């Protein structure tokens, strides 16, 4: 049955993804099923989206209830669910204000516009450049792409948006050298997930915060993949001793329902005024209901504690495999955002795991990226580790 669906997809849909040869029809918890009825253990979670697993009962019920009441009225009105969602995000973060949109790329676009407007209002023209990191990933729209520090994503799309400078990740000296009177903001990830799961060092993060604060440079953390508990804390910045000025959110914010947000301190968020930015669907009743249910579940049901515990257990298991198999060069990450860098054969390992009924993905060509739901259990982790062991042994 799945061959027919794949044939239709190739005939009717734009060729923008290298898809796995399965057609998914339903999901529950850590598991997905294809059209042939085969079950797969999902350790991608929609690329760090379904942090509560698939078809979580509280998120599904919240959306079902909202569908029966109100889909959309536009942001020309105050929306009860939107206000509740914003209140939750503010109460559980450093932020004072929230702007809702539909995706991580849109949140980045909002952040780019906001920091430039903030600097323009305070300092006048000419102070518009944004320092970003080499090896970073911030999205596919032209602004987000311009802020992405990986050349292969740029090919064929130049000229990109002007005003971005890139420095090596975790290089304090290079960062300081890049700062001048034209810089208005610094944009970075705490964990470069798409870039191969690289974690920012404590020294680098603290130096960036010190320099940006000293020069009134806005510090933006892109937490599209790291927020909503993925690293064992609600937000990855909570692993540091300080707060950023702005954070971009998406992916797991609605546990699969499309939603994004830019949250930040009032001094910066107030640079937006009526008419300066907008999003037709941003924070509509359905999206806001998904946020409320998702965030409430994460906070109330021990999800963060389970993520920290299972992340530690999974990482220990992967390090044990590293001792057995020299092909594993490194195991790194935070919480349940983990990367296994292989000397070679990363795609072969991924394909072998898929044949065994386990879904992971590869990034940077040789890094297995492992992103299980945050409420994953020991049984599923053990199954993954046992299967990976067998696959590595066979290969």
Foldseek 3Di string as FASTA:
>chain_A
DLVVVVVVCVVPDDPPDPDDSFAWDFWDAQWTAGPVGDIFREQCLVVLFQLRTGPPPLLVVLLVVLVVPDFFDWPVDDDPLLVVLQVLVVVQAVFDGKDKAFAQLVLQVVVLLLLQLLCCVVPNPQQRAEEEEALAARDLPLNRLVRYRDVVSCPPPPPGDDRYDYDYAQDLVRVVVPDDRNYAAYEYECFRQLSFTDGHDLVNVVSVVVVCVVNVHAYEYECQNPACQQQLGNTPCVVHPDHGAKYKYFRHLLSPRGMIMITGYPSRVVSDDPPSDGHGNTSGSSSSSSNVSSSVCSVPPCLSVLQQVVQVVLQVLVVVVVVVAVQFPDWDHGRQWIKTFGVDCQVVLQVQSVVVRYHWDDHPHGITTGHGRSNDDPVSSVVVSVSSSVSSVVD
